[in-house]
N, C-alpha and C. Protein backbone atom coordinates (compact mmCIF):
# COMPACT_ATOMS: atom_id res chain seq x y z
N MET A 1 0.87 -1.20 0.00
CA MET A 1 0.00 0.00 0.00
C MET A 1 0.89 1.23 0.00
N THR A 2 0.64 2.12 -0.91
CA THR A 2 1.50 3.30 -1.08
C THR A 2 0.86 4.53 -0.43
N THR A 3 1.73 5.29 0.37
CA THR A 3 1.23 6.52 1.03
C THR A 3 1.46 7.70 0.12
N ASP A 4 0.46 8.49 -0.12
CA ASP A 4 0.57 9.68 -0.99
C ASP A 4 1.00 10.88 -0.15
N VAL A 5 2.25 11.41 -0.44
CA VAL A 5 2.76 12.57 0.32
C VAL A 5 2.85 13.80 -0.56
N SER A 6 2.05 13.80 -1.59
CA SER A 6 2.07 14.97 -2.49
C SER A 6 1.52 16.19 -1.76
N PRO A 7 1.87 17.38 -2.24
CA PRO A 7 1.39 18.60 -1.59
C PRO A 7 -0.11 18.68 -1.48
N ASP A 8 -0.82 18.06 -2.45
CA ASP A 8 -2.28 18.18 -2.42
C ASP A 8 -2.87 17.36 -1.29
N ASN A 9 -2.21 16.20 -0.95
CA ASN A 9 -2.74 15.32 0.08
C ASN A 9 -2.13 15.61 1.46
N ASN A 10 -1.09 16.49 1.51
CA ASN A 10 -0.42 16.80 2.80
C ASN A 10 -0.51 18.31 3.05
N PRO A 11 -1.45 18.72 3.81
CA PRO A 11 -1.65 20.18 3.99
C PRO A 11 -0.50 20.86 4.72
N THR A 12 0.35 20.11 5.44
CA THR A 12 1.47 20.73 6.17
C THR A 12 2.77 20.72 5.37
N PHE A 13 2.69 20.24 4.13
CA PHE A 13 3.92 20.09 3.34
C PHE A 13 4.61 21.44 3.12
N TYR A 14 3.85 22.43 2.67
CA TYR A 14 4.45 23.74 2.39
C TYR A 14 5.00 24.38 3.67
N HIS A 15 4.29 24.21 4.77
CA HIS A 15 4.74 24.78 6.04
C HIS A 15 6.07 24.16 6.49
N GLU A 16 6.13 22.82 6.39
CA GLU A 16 7.36 22.14 6.80
C GLU A 16 8.54 22.53 5.89
N THR A 17 8.26 22.62 4.59
CA THR A 17 9.34 23.01 3.64
C THR A 17 9.83 24.42 3.90
N ALA A 18 8.90 25.33 4.15
CA ALA A 18 9.29 26.72 4.43
C ALA A 18 10.09 26.83 5.71
N SER A 19 9.67 26.05 6.72
CA SER A 19 10.41 26.07 7.99
C SER A 19 11.83 25.56 7.79
N SER A 20 11.97 24.50 6.96
CA SER A 20 13.32 23.97 6.69
C SER A 20 14.19 24.99 5.97
N TRP A 21 13.60 25.70 4.98
CA TRP A 21 14.35 26.74 4.28
C TRP A 21 14.75 27.86 5.23
N ARG A 22 13.87 28.25 6.10
CA ARG A 22 14.17 29.35 7.04
C ARG A 22 15.29 28.93 8.00
N GLU A 23 15.23 27.69 8.47
CA GLU A 23 16.29 27.23 9.37
C GLU A 23 17.64 27.23 8.66
N ASP A 24 17.63 26.79 7.39
CA ASP A 24 18.88 26.81 6.62
C ASP A 24 19.38 28.24 6.44
N TRP A 25 18.47 29.19 6.16
CA TRP A 25 18.85 30.60 5.94
C TRP A 25 19.39 31.23 7.22
N VAL A 26 18.73 30.95 8.35
CA VAL A 26 19.18 31.48 9.64
C VAL A 26 20.55 30.93 10.00
N ALA A 27 20.74 29.62 9.75
CA ALA A 27 22.04 29.01 10.05
C ALA A 27 23.14 29.63 9.18
N SER A 28 22.80 29.88 7.89
CA SER A 28 23.79 30.49 6.98
C SER A 28 24.15 31.92 7.42
N VAL A 29 23.12 32.70 7.82
CA VAL A 29 23.37 34.08 8.27
C VAL A 29 24.22 34.10 9.53
N GLN A 30 23.92 33.21 10.46
CA GLN A 30 24.70 33.15 11.70
C GLN A 30 26.15 32.77 11.42
N LYS A 31 26.34 31.85 10.46
CA LYS A 31 27.70 31.44 10.11
C LYS A 31 28.46 32.62 9.49
N GLU A 32 27.79 33.37 8.58
CA GLU A 32 28.44 34.52 7.96
C GLU A 32 28.77 35.59 9.01
N ARG A 33 27.84 35.85 9.93
CA ARG A 33 28.08 36.82 10.98
C ARG A 33 29.25 36.41 11.86
N SER A 34 29.32 35.13 12.17
CA SER A 34 30.44 34.65 12.97
C SER A 34 31.77 34.83 12.23
N LEU A 35 31.73 34.58 10.89
CA LEU A 35 32.94 34.75 10.09
C LEU A 35 33.35 36.22 10.04
N TYR A 36 32.36 37.11 9.79
CA TYR A 36 32.66 38.55 9.74
C TYR A 36 33.17 39.05 11.08
N ARG A 37 32.58 38.54 12.18
CA ARG A 37 33.01 38.95 13.50
C ARG A 37 34.46 38.53 13.76
N THR A 38 34.80 37.33 13.32
CA THR A 38 36.18 36.84 13.49
C THR A 38 37.15 37.67 12.67
N LEU A 39 36.76 37.99 11.41
CA LEU A 39 37.63 38.81 10.56
C LEU A 39 37.80 40.21 11.13
N SER A 40 36.72 40.79 11.66
CA SER A 40 36.81 42.14 12.23
C SER A 40 37.73 42.17 13.43
N ILE A 41 37.58 41.16 14.29
CA ILE A 41 38.46 41.11 15.47
C ILE A 41 39.91 40.96 15.05
N GLY A 42 40.16 40.15 14.00
CA GLY A 42 41.53 39.99 13.51
C GLY A 42 42.09 41.27 12.95
N LEU A 43 41.27 42.01 12.15
CA LEU A 43 41.74 43.27 11.58
C LEU A 43 42.02 44.31 12.66
N VAL A 44 41.13 44.42 13.64
CA VAL A 44 41.35 45.37 14.74
C VAL A 44 42.61 45.03 15.51
N THR A 45 42.85 43.72 15.70
CA THR A 45 44.06 43.30 16.42
C THR A 45 45.31 43.68 15.63
N LEU A 46 45.28 43.43 14.31
CA LEU A 46 46.43 43.80 13.47
C LEU A 46 46.65 45.30 13.46
N LEU A 47 45.55 46.08 13.39
CA LEU A 47 45.68 47.54 13.40
C LEU A 47 46.27 48.02 14.72
N SER A 48 45.84 47.45 15.82
CA SER A 48 46.38 47.84 17.13
C SER A 48 47.86 47.53 17.23
N ILE A 49 48.26 46.35 16.72
CA ILE A 49 49.68 46.00 16.74
C ILE A 49 50.50 46.96 15.89
N SER A 50 49.96 47.33 14.71
CA SER A 50 50.67 48.26 13.82
C SER A 50 50.84 49.63 14.47
N LEU A 51 49.76 50.14 15.07
CA LEU A 51 49.84 51.45 15.72
C LEU A 51 50.81 51.42 16.89
N THR A 52 50.80 50.34 17.64
CA THR A 52 51.74 50.22 18.76
C THR A 52 53.18 50.22 18.26
N GLY A 53 53.43 49.49 17.16
CA GLY A 53 54.78 49.46 16.59
C GLY A 53 55.22 50.82 16.09
N LEU A 54 54.33 51.55 15.42
CA LEU A 54 54.67 52.89 14.93
C LEU A 54 54.96 53.84 16.09
N THR A 55 54.17 53.72 17.15
CA THR A 55 54.39 54.58 18.31
C THR A 55 55.74 54.32 18.94
N VAL A 56 56.10 53.05 19.05
CA VAL A 56 57.40 52.69 19.62
C VAL A 56 58.53 53.22 18.77
N LEU A 57 58.42 53.06 17.44
CA LEU A 57 59.47 53.55 16.55
C LEU A 57 59.58 55.07 16.60
N ALA A 58 58.42 55.75 16.67
CA ALA A 58 58.44 57.22 16.70
C ALA A 58 59.09 57.74 17.96
N THR A 59 58.88 57.07 19.06
CA THR A 59 59.47 57.54 20.32
C THR A 59 60.95 57.18 20.43
N ARG A 60 61.38 56.16 19.70
CA ARG A 60 62.78 55.75 19.79
C ARG A 60 63.69 56.67 18.98
N GLU A 61 63.24 57.08 17.79
CA GLU A 61 64.11 57.90 16.95
C GLU A 61 63.26 58.81 16.09
N ARG A 62 63.54 60.10 16.17
CA ARG A 62 62.85 61.07 15.35
C ARG A 62 63.59 61.24 14.03
N VAL A 63 62.82 61.42 12.95
CA VAL A 63 63.44 61.63 11.65
C VAL A 63 63.95 63.07 11.60
N GLN A 64 65.21 63.24 11.26
CA GLN A 64 65.81 64.57 11.17
C GLN A 64 66.11 64.89 9.72
N PRO A 65 65.74 66.09 9.28
CA PRO A 65 65.94 66.45 7.87
C PRO A 65 67.40 66.74 7.56
N PHE A 66 67.73 66.65 6.27
CA PHE A 66 69.05 67.01 5.78
C PHE A 66 68.94 68.21 4.86
N LEU A 67 70.01 68.97 4.79
CA LEU A 67 70.04 70.16 3.95
C LEU A 67 71.13 69.99 2.90
N ALA A 68 70.76 70.11 1.63
CA ALA A 68 71.73 70.08 0.54
C ALA A 68 71.46 71.29 -0.34
N LEU A 69 72.46 72.08 -0.59
CA LEU A 69 72.32 73.28 -1.40
C LEU A 69 73.14 73.15 -2.67
N MET A 70 72.57 73.60 -3.78
CA MET A 70 73.29 73.55 -5.04
C MET A 70 73.23 74.90 -5.72
N ASP A 71 74.39 75.36 -6.20
CA ASP A 71 74.47 76.58 -6.96
C ASP A 71 74.17 76.23 -8.42
N LYS A 72 73.02 76.70 -8.94
CA LYS A 72 72.61 76.34 -10.30
C LYS A 72 73.56 76.90 -11.36
N ARG A 73 74.23 77.98 -11.03
CA ARG A 73 75.14 78.59 -12.01
C ARG A 73 76.42 77.80 -12.15
N THR A 74 76.99 77.36 -11.04
CA THR A 74 78.27 76.65 -11.08
C THR A 74 78.14 75.14 -10.92
N GLY A 75 76.98 74.70 -10.42
CA GLY A 75 76.81 73.27 -10.18
C GLY A 75 77.39 72.80 -8.87
N GLU A 76 77.90 73.71 -8.04
CA GLU A 76 78.50 73.33 -6.77
C GLU A 76 77.42 72.84 -5.81
N VAL A 77 77.68 71.70 -5.19
CA VAL A 77 76.75 71.11 -4.22
C VAL A 77 77.45 71.01 -2.88
N THR A 78 76.80 71.53 -1.85
CA THR A 78 77.38 71.44 -0.51
C THR A 78 77.22 70.03 0.03
N THR A 79 78.09 69.65 0.96
CA THR A 79 77.98 68.35 1.61
C THR A 79 76.74 68.34 2.49
N PRO A 80 75.83 67.37 2.31
CA PRO A 80 74.63 67.34 3.15
C PRO A 80 75.01 67.20 4.62
N VAL A 81 74.36 67.98 5.43
CA VAL A 81 74.60 67.91 6.87
C VAL A 81 73.27 67.74 7.58
N ARG A 82 73.31 67.10 8.74
CA ARG A 82 72.10 66.94 9.54
C ARG A 82 71.75 68.26 10.20
N LEU A 83 70.51 68.68 10.00
CA LEU A 83 70.10 69.96 10.55
C LEU A 83 69.98 69.89 12.07
N ASN A 84 70.44 70.92 12.70
CA ASN A 84 70.37 71.00 14.15
C ASN A 84 69.09 71.73 14.54
N GLU A 85 68.27 71.11 15.37
CA GLU A 85 66.99 71.71 15.74
C GLU A 85 67.13 72.75 16.84
N GLU A 86 68.32 72.91 17.40
CA GLU A 86 68.49 73.88 18.46
C GLU A 86 68.39 75.30 17.91
N THR A 87 67.76 76.16 18.66
CA THR A 87 67.61 77.54 18.25
C THR A 87 68.93 78.29 18.45
N LYS A 88 69.34 79.02 17.40
CA LYS A 88 70.56 79.80 17.52
C LYS A 88 70.32 80.97 18.47
N VAL A 89 71.28 81.24 19.32
CA VAL A 89 71.19 82.34 20.26
C VAL A 89 72.34 83.30 19.97
N ALA A 90 72.00 84.54 19.69
CA ALA A 90 73.01 85.54 19.36
C ALA A 90 73.48 86.24 20.63
N ASN A 91 74.80 86.29 20.83
CA ASN A 91 75.32 87.06 21.96
C ASN A 91 75.59 88.49 21.51
N TRP A 92 75.84 89.35 22.46
CA TRP A 92 75.97 90.78 22.18
C TRP A 92 77.18 91.08 21.29
N ALA A 93 78.28 90.38 21.52
CA ALA A 93 79.48 90.61 20.70
C ALA A 93 79.19 90.29 19.23
N MET A 94 78.45 89.22 18.99
CA MET A 94 78.12 88.85 17.62
C MET A 94 77.19 89.89 16.98
N VAL A 95 76.21 90.36 17.76
CA VAL A 95 75.29 91.37 17.23
C VAL A 95 76.05 92.64 16.86
N ARG A 96 76.94 93.08 17.73
CA ARG A 96 77.73 94.28 17.44
C ARG A 96 78.57 94.10 16.18
N HIS A 97 79.15 92.93 16.02
CA HIS A 97 79.96 92.66 14.83
C HIS A 97 79.13 92.79 13.56
N PHE A 98 77.96 92.13 13.53
CA PHE A 98 77.15 92.15 12.32
C PHE A 98 76.57 93.55 12.05
N VAL A 99 76.17 94.25 13.11
CA VAL A 99 75.62 95.59 12.92
C VAL A 99 76.70 96.53 12.38
N THR A 100 77.90 96.45 12.94
CA THR A 100 79.00 97.29 12.46
C THR A 100 79.31 97.00 10.99
N ARG A 101 79.35 95.73 10.66
CA ARG A 101 79.64 95.36 9.27
C ARG A 101 78.52 95.82 8.35
N TYR A 102 77.28 95.65 8.77
CA TYR A 102 76.14 96.01 7.94
C TYR A 102 76.13 97.50 7.63
N ILE A 103 76.25 98.32 8.67
CA ILE A 103 76.19 99.77 8.47
C ILE A 103 77.40 100.25 7.68
N SER A 104 78.57 99.70 7.96
CA SER A 104 79.76 100.12 7.21
C SER A 104 79.62 99.78 5.73
N ASP A 105 79.15 98.58 5.42
CA ASP A 105 78.98 98.19 4.01
C ASP A 105 77.86 98.98 3.34
N ARG A 106 76.84 99.32 4.09
CA ARG A 106 75.70 100.02 3.49
C ARG A 106 75.98 101.51 3.29
N GLU A 107 76.65 102.14 4.24
CA GLU A 107 76.79 103.60 4.18
C GLU A 107 78.12 104.06 3.58
N ALA A 108 79.14 103.20 3.55
CA ALA A 108 80.41 103.58 2.95
C ALA A 108 80.30 103.50 1.43
N TYR A 109 81.27 104.14 0.74
CA TYR A 109 81.25 104.12 -0.73
C TYR A 109 82.66 104.27 -1.26
N HIS A 110 82.99 103.41 -2.24
CA HIS A 110 84.21 103.57 -3.01
C HIS A 110 83.95 102.99 -4.39
N PHE A 111 84.27 103.77 -5.39
CA PHE A 111 83.92 103.39 -6.76
C PHE A 111 84.57 102.06 -7.17
N SER A 112 85.75 101.78 -6.67
CA SER A 112 86.46 100.56 -7.06
C SER A 112 85.96 99.32 -6.31
N ASN A 113 85.09 99.51 -5.34
CA ASN A 113 84.59 98.38 -4.55
C ASN A 113 83.09 98.58 -4.28
N LEU A 114 82.29 98.36 -5.33
CA LEU A 114 80.85 98.58 -5.19
C LEU A 114 80.08 97.28 -4.97
N ASN A 115 80.43 96.24 -5.71
CA ASN A 115 79.58 95.05 -5.74
C ASN A 115 79.62 94.24 -4.45
N ASP A 116 80.81 94.02 -3.90
CA ASP A 116 80.91 93.16 -2.71
C ASP A 116 80.12 93.71 -1.52
N PRO A 117 80.30 94.97 -1.15
CA PRO A 117 79.48 95.50 -0.03
C PRO A 117 77.98 95.48 -0.34
N TYR A 118 77.65 95.78 -1.59
CA TYR A 118 76.24 95.80 -1.99
C TYR A 118 75.61 94.41 -1.84
N GLN A 119 76.29 93.36 -2.31
CA GLN A 119 75.77 92.00 -2.21
C GLN A 119 75.70 91.54 -0.76
N THR A 120 76.68 91.94 0.05
CA THR A 120 76.66 91.57 1.47
C THR A 120 75.47 92.20 2.19
N VAL A 121 75.19 93.46 1.90
CA VAL A 121 74.05 94.14 2.52
C VAL A 121 72.74 93.48 2.10
N LEU A 122 72.62 93.13 0.82
CA LEU A 122 71.40 92.45 0.37
C LEU A 122 71.23 91.10 1.07
N ALA A 123 72.34 90.37 1.27
CA ALA A 123 72.27 89.06 1.93
C ALA A 123 71.86 89.19 3.39
N MET A 124 72.05 90.36 3.98
CA MET A 124 71.73 90.57 5.39
C MET A 124 70.46 91.42 5.57
N SER A 125 69.66 91.56 4.52
CA SER A 125 68.47 92.41 4.58
C SER A 125 67.21 91.61 4.28
N ALA A 126 66.13 91.94 4.98
CA ALA A 126 64.83 91.39 4.65
C ALA A 126 64.34 92.02 3.36
N GLN A 127 63.27 91.47 2.78
CA GLN A 127 62.82 91.92 1.47
C GLN A 127 62.50 93.41 1.43
N ALA A 128 61.79 93.90 2.44
CA ALA A 128 61.44 95.33 2.46
C ALA A 128 62.68 96.20 2.56
N VAL A 129 63.67 95.76 3.33
CA VAL A 129 64.90 96.54 3.48
C VAL A 129 65.74 96.45 2.21
N LYS A 130 65.70 95.32 1.50
CA LYS A 130 66.39 95.21 0.22
C LYS A 130 65.89 96.27 -0.76
N ALA A 131 64.58 96.44 -0.81
CA ALA A 131 64.02 97.46 -1.69
C ALA A 131 64.51 98.85 -1.29
N GLN A 132 64.63 99.08 0.00
CA GLN A 132 65.15 100.35 0.52
C GLN A 132 66.60 100.57 0.08
N VAL A 133 67.40 99.50 0.16
CA VAL A 133 68.81 99.59 -0.24
C VAL A 133 68.92 99.90 -1.73
N ASN A 134 68.16 99.19 -2.55
CA ASN A 134 68.21 99.42 -3.99
C ASN A 134 67.78 100.85 -4.34
N GLN A 135 66.77 101.34 -3.63
CA GLN A 135 66.30 102.70 -3.88
C GLN A 135 67.37 103.73 -3.57
N ALA A 136 68.21 103.46 -2.59
CA ALA A 136 69.24 104.41 -2.19
C ALA A 136 70.50 104.31 -3.05
N ILE A 137 70.82 103.09 -3.53
CA ILE A 137 72.11 102.87 -4.19
C ILE A 137 72.03 102.91 -5.71
N ARG A 138 71.03 102.32 -6.29
CA ARG A 138 71.00 102.15 -7.74
C ARG A 138 70.73 103.49 -8.42
N PRO A 139 71.62 103.91 -9.33
CA PRO A 139 71.49 105.24 -9.93
C PRO A 139 70.25 105.39 -10.81
N GLU A 140 69.75 104.29 -11.38
CA GLU A 140 68.55 104.40 -12.22
C GLU A 140 67.30 104.62 -11.39
N LEU A 141 67.39 104.37 -10.08
CA LEU A 141 66.25 104.58 -9.18
C LEU A 141 66.37 105.85 -8.36
N ASN A 142 67.58 106.35 -8.19
CA ASN A 142 67.81 107.49 -7.31
C ASN A 142 68.84 108.45 -7.90
N PRO A 143 68.40 109.64 -8.28
CA PRO A 143 69.36 110.60 -8.83
C PRO A 143 70.40 111.06 -7.81
N GLN A 144 70.13 110.84 -6.51
CA GLN A 144 71.08 111.21 -5.47
C GLN A 144 71.93 110.02 -5.01
N SER A 145 71.95 108.99 -5.81
CA SER A 145 72.79 107.84 -5.50
C SER A 145 74.25 108.27 -5.41
N PRO A 146 75.02 107.70 -4.46
CA PRO A 146 76.45 108.08 -4.37
C PRO A 146 77.22 107.76 -5.64
N ILE A 147 76.73 106.83 -6.43
CA ILE A 147 77.40 106.56 -7.71
C ILE A 147 77.35 107.78 -8.60
N LYS A 148 76.28 108.58 -8.46
CA LYS A 148 76.16 109.80 -9.26
C LYS A 148 76.78 111.01 -8.56
N THR A 149 76.54 111.15 -7.26
CA THR A 149 76.99 112.36 -6.57
C THR A 149 78.47 112.33 -6.20
N LEU A 150 79.01 111.13 -5.95
CA LEU A 150 80.42 111.02 -5.57
C LEU A 150 81.29 110.53 -6.73
N GLY A 151 80.75 109.63 -7.54
CA GLY A 151 81.47 109.17 -8.72
C GLY A 151 82.82 108.55 -8.36
N GLN A 152 83.82 108.86 -9.20
CA GLN A 152 85.19 108.39 -8.96
C GLN A 152 86.04 109.44 -8.25
N GLN A 153 85.52 110.65 -8.08
CA GLN A 153 86.29 111.74 -7.51
C GLN A 153 86.31 111.72 -5.98
N ARG A 154 85.33 111.06 -5.38
CA ARG A 154 85.25 111.06 -3.92
C ARG A 154 84.89 109.66 -3.41
N TYR A 155 85.25 109.39 -2.19
CA TYR A 155 84.81 108.16 -1.53
C TYR A 155 84.34 108.51 -0.12
N ARG A 156 83.63 107.57 0.52
CA ARG A 156 83.02 107.84 1.82
C ARG A 156 83.36 106.71 2.79
N THR A 157 83.76 107.08 3.98
CA THR A 157 84.04 106.11 5.04
C THR A 157 83.04 106.28 6.18
N VAL A 158 83.01 105.29 7.07
CA VAL A 158 82.03 105.29 8.16
C VAL A 158 82.76 105.05 9.48
N THR A 159 82.36 105.80 10.50
CA THR A 159 82.85 105.57 11.86
C THR A 159 81.67 105.32 12.78
N ILE A 160 81.64 104.13 13.39
CA ILE A 160 80.57 103.79 14.33
C ILE A 160 80.94 104.32 15.71
N HIS A 161 80.05 105.09 16.31
CA HIS A 161 80.32 105.68 17.62
C HIS A 161 79.68 104.89 18.77
N SER A 162 78.47 104.41 18.58
CA SER A 162 77.81 103.67 19.67
C SER A 162 76.72 102.78 19.10
N ILE A 163 76.50 101.66 19.79
CA ILE A 163 75.40 100.73 19.47
C ILE A 163 74.70 100.43 20.78
N ALA A 164 73.47 100.86 20.91
CA ALA A 164 72.74 100.72 22.18
C ALA A 164 71.45 99.93 21.98
N LYS A 165 71.12 99.11 22.96
CA LYS A 165 69.87 98.36 22.93
C LYS A 165 68.72 99.27 23.37
N LEU A 166 67.60 99.14 22.68
CA LEU A 166 66.38 99.84 23.08
C LEU A 166 65.49 98.89 23.88
N ALA A 167 64.34 99.38 24.31
CA ALA A 167 63.52 98.60 25.22
C ALA A 167 63.01 97.31 24.58
N LYS A 168 62.61 97.38 23.32
CA LYS A 168 62.05 96.19 22.67
C LYS A 168 63.17 95.25 22.22
N ASP A 169 62.82 93.97 22.12
CA ASP A 169 63.79 92.96 21.72
C ASP A 169 64.33 93.25 20.32
N ASN A 170 65.66 93.09 20.17
CA ASN A 170 66.34 93.18 18.87
C ASN A 170 66.20 94.55 18.20
N LEU A 171 65.89 95.58 18.96
CA LEU A 171 65.80 96.93 18.43
C LEU A 171 66.99 97.73 18.96
N LEU A 172 67.73 98.36 18.05
CA LEU A 172 68.97 99.04 18.41
C LEU A 172 68.95 100.50 17.98
N ASP A 173 69.71 101.29 18.72
CA ASP A 173 69.97 102.69 18.36
C ASP A 173 71.47 102.80 18.07
N VAL A 174 71.81 103.18 16.82
CA VAL A 174 73.21 103.23 16.39
C VAL A 174 73.55 104.66 15.99
N ARG A 175 74.65 105.16 16.54
CA ARG A 175 75.15 106.49 16.16
C ARG A 175 76.45 106.30 15.38
N PHE A 176 76.55 107.01 14.25
CA PHE A 176 77.76 106.92 13.43
C PHE A 176 77.93 108.21 12.62
N SER A 177 79.06 108.34 12.03
CA SER A 177 79.32 109.51 11.17
C SER A 177 79.90 109.03 9.85
N THR A 178 79.65 109.80 8.79
CA THR A 178 80.21 109.52 7.48
C THR A 178 81.19 110.63 7.11
N HIS A 179 82.24 110.24 6.39
CA HIS A 179 83.30 111.17 6.02
C HIS A 179 83.53 111.09 4.51
N THR A 180 83.25 112.19 3.83
CA THR A 180 83.45 112.25 2.39
C THR A 180 84.85 112.81 2.11
N ILE A 181 85.64 112.05 1.34
CA ILE A 181 87.05 112.36 1.14
C ILE A 181 87.34 112.46 -0.35
N ASN A 182 88.12 113.48 -0.72
CA ASN A 182 88.54 113.66 -2.11
C ASN A 182 89.55 112.58 -2.49
N SER A 183 89.29 111.88 -3.60
CA SER A 183 90.15 110.76 -3.99
C SER A 183 91.55 111.20 -4.39
N GLU A 184 91.68 112.41 -4.94
CA GLU A 184 92.99 112.87 -5.43
C GLU A 184 93.84 113.43 -4.30
N THR A 185 93.23 114.21 -3.42
CA THR A 185 94.01 114.89 -2.37
C THR A 185 93.93 114.20 -1.01
N ASN A 186 92.98 113.22 -0.88
CA ASN A 186 92.72 112.57 0.40
C ASN A 186 92.31 113.57 1.49
N HIS A 187 91.77 114.69 1.05
CA HIS A 187 91.30 115.71 1.99
C HIS A 187 89.83 115.45 2.31
N GLU A 188 89.51 115.48 3.60
CA GLU A 188 88.13 115.27 4.02
C GLU A 188 87.32 116.52 3.72
N GLU A 189 86.30 116.34 2.90
CA GLU A 189 85.50 117.48 2.46
C GLU A 189 84.23 117.67 3.30
N GLU A 190 83.71 116.59 3.87
CA GLU A 190 82.46 116.72 4.64
C GLU A 190 82.37 115.60 5.67
N THR A 191 81.86 115.95 6.85
CA THR A 191 81.55 114.97 7.89
C THR A 191 80.12 115.20 8.35
N ARG A 192 79.35 114.11 8.40
CA ARG A 192 77.96 114.22 8.84
C ARG A 192 77.67 113.17 9.91
N ALA A 193 76.85 113.56 10.89
CA ALA A 193 76.49 112.64 11.98
C ALA A 193 75.10 112.07 11.71
N TRP A 194 74.95 110.77 12.02
CA TRP A 194 73.70 110.08 11.73
C TRP A 194 73.27 109.23 12.93
N ARG A 195 71.97 108.96 12.94
CA ARG A 195 71.38 108.06 13.94
C ARG A 195 70.49 107.06 13.21
N VAL A 196 70.67 105.77 13.48
CA VAL A 196 69.88 104.71 12.84
C VAL A 196 69.13 103.92 13.91
N THR A 197 67.85 103.73 13.68
CA THR A 197 67.07 102.77 14.47
C THR A 197 66.97 101.50 13.64
N LEU A 198 67.44 100.42 14.21
CA LEU A 198 67.62 99.17 13.44
C LEU A 198 67.02 98.00 14.22
N LYS A 199 66.33 97.13 13.51
CA LYS A 199 65.82 95.90 14.11
C LYS A 199 66.37 94.71 13.34
N TRP A 200 66.73 93.65 14.07
CA TRP A 200 67.37 92.50 13.45
C TRP A 200 66.76 91.20 13.95
N GLU A 201 67.06 90.11 13.25
CA GLU A 201 66.66 88.78 13.68
C GLU A 201 67.60 87.76 13.05
N LEU A 202 67.61 86.56 13.60
CA LEU A 202 68.31 85.43 12.97
C LEU A 202 67.28 84.67 12.15
N SER A 203 67.35 84.84 10.84
CA SER A 203 66.32 84.31 9.95
C SER A 203 66.75 82.97 9.38
N HIS A 204 65.77 82.07 9.22
CA HIS A 204 66.02 80.75 8.63
C HIS A 204 65.29 80.62 7.30
N ARG A 205 64.97 81.73 6.67
CA ARG A 205 64.25 81.68 5.40
C ARG A 205 65.13 81.07 4.31
N GLN A 206 64.47 80.56 3.26
CA GLN A 206 65.21 80.02 2.13
C GLN A 206 65.91 81.15 1.39
N ARG A 207 67.14 80.88 0.98
CA ARG A 207 67.92 81.89 0.29
C ARG A 207 68.93 81.20 -0.63
N PRO A 208 69.47 81.93 -1.62
CA PRO A 208 70.47 81.33 -2.51
C PRO A 208 71.74 80.95 -1.76
N LEU A 209 72.48 79.99 -2.33
CA LEU A 209 73.72 79.55 -1.70
C LEU A 209 74.71 80.70 -1.56
N SER A 210 74.73 81.61 -2.52
CA SER A 210 75.66 82.75 -2.45
C SER A 210 75.38 83.61 -1.22
N GLU A 211 74.11 83.76 -0.84
CA GLU A 211 73.78 84.56 0.34
C GLU A 211 74.18 83.81 1.61
N TRP A 212 74.02 82.48 1.63
CA TRP A 212 74.46 81.71 2.80
C TRP A 212 75.97 81.82 2.98
N ASP A 213 76.72 81.88 1.88
CA ASP A 213 78.17 82.02 1.97
C ASP A 213 78.56 83.34 2.63
N MET A 214 77.82 84.40 2.32
CA MET A 214 78.12 85.70 2.89
C MET A 214 77.51 85.90 4.28
N ASN A 215 76.45 85.16 4.58
CA ASN A 215 75.73 85.37 5.83
C ASN A 215 75.29 84.01 6.39
N PRO A 216 76.23 83.18 6.85
CA PRO A 216 75.90 81.80 7.25
C PRO A 216 74.98 81.68 8.46
N LEU A 217 74.95 82.68 9.33
CA LEU A 217 74.11 82.61 10.52
C LEU A 217 72.72 83.21 10.30
N GLY A 218 72.50 83.78 9.13
CA GLY A 218 71.17 84.34 8.84
C GLY A 218 70.85 85.62 9.57
N PHE A 219 71.89 86.41 9.93
CA PHE A 219 71.63 87.71 10.58
C PHE A 219 70.94 88.62 9.56
N THR A 220 69.73 89.07 9.91
CA THR A 220 68.90 89.80 8.94
C THR A 220 68.36 91.08 9.56
N VAL A 221 68.55 92.17 8.85
CA VAL A 221 67.99 93.46 9.26
C VAL A 221 66.58 93.56 8.71
N THR A 222 65.61 93.73 9.59
CA THR A 222 64.21 93.79 9.18
C THR A 222 63.64 95.21 9.20
N PHE A 223 64.38 96.15 9.80
CA PHE A 223 63.93 97.55 9.85
C PHE A 223 65.16 98.43 9.92
N TYR A 224 65.15 99.52 9.13
CA TYR A 224 66.32 100.42 9.08
C TYR A 224 65.82 101.83 8.80
N ASP A 225 65.98 102.69 9.79
CA ASP A 225 65.55 104.09 9.65
C ASP A 225 66.71 105.01 10.02
N LYS A 226 67.20 105.75 9.03
CA LYS A 226 68.36 106.64 9.24
C LYS A 226 67.90 108.09 9.26
N GLN A 227 68.35 108.82 10.29
CA GLN A 227 68.02 110.24 10.42
C GLN A 227 69.29 111.02 10.73
N PRO A 228 69.42 112.26 10.21
CA PRO A 228 70.59 113.07 10.55
C PRO A 228 70.53 113.56 12.00
N VAL A 229 71.70 113.67 12.60
CA VAL A 229 71.79 114.21 13.95
C VAL A 229 72.10 115.69 13.83
N ILE A 230 71.20 116.49 14.35
CA ILE A 230 71.37 117.94 14.26
C ILE A 230 71.93 118.44 15.59
N ALA A 231 73.06 119.09 15.51
CA ALA A 231 73.72 119.57 16.73
C ALA A 231 72.94 120.73 17.34
C-alpha cells in the first residue's frame, strides 16, 4: 500500500518546507556573521599591533631632515649635513659685529669696490629693506645715489660711535658719522652725523647659496631708519 505525500494530500507540506528553508537561511546568516566577526576582530588586532609598533618607533628615533644646497650657475653642491633643531642664540658681541659690518657696508662708498658690499648688505636684509637699499644705491632709481653724486672723484668712510639696545627685543639705536674724502688729495670734504634705528633677527628663510656664503648665521635686518643728527 503506497502513502501519498504529495502537496495536495499533505496540507502541512508547504509549512514544513518553508520552515526547513528558514532554518537553513538562519544558520547560513549566523555562520556569515560569525565569520565577519572573526575577521573584524583579527583586523582590529592587526591595526592595534601596527599602531603600537609605529608609536614605539616614533618615540625611539625622530626623523631629522638634511640640507643640501646647489648653486645652479656653477653646479657646486654642498655636503649634506644633519640639521640641528636647536635655536641659535646671538650674543651681544656677535650682534655688534654684524651691525658694524652692515652699516659700514651700506653707508660707505668707493667706486672701485661697489659690488661686494652691496651684495653683502642684500644678503643681510629682509625683502622690504632690500628694496630700501636698492632705492638708495642704484642710480637708475635714485638721482642722489652716491654713484652719481660722488662718482670716482670722492669716496666715503664710516665711523661707528655707539650701538645701544632699546627697550624692545632686537631693536637698536646706532650712532655713526660719514666722512666724504677727495680721492685725489685725500682731503676730508664733509663729515655728517647720523642716527639709525635698526631691528634685526636670525632668519632661517630660504635663500640662494651665495647669500648663505656671505651670511651663514642668517643675521637679517628687518627695519632700518636713518636720520641726521642735528647739533
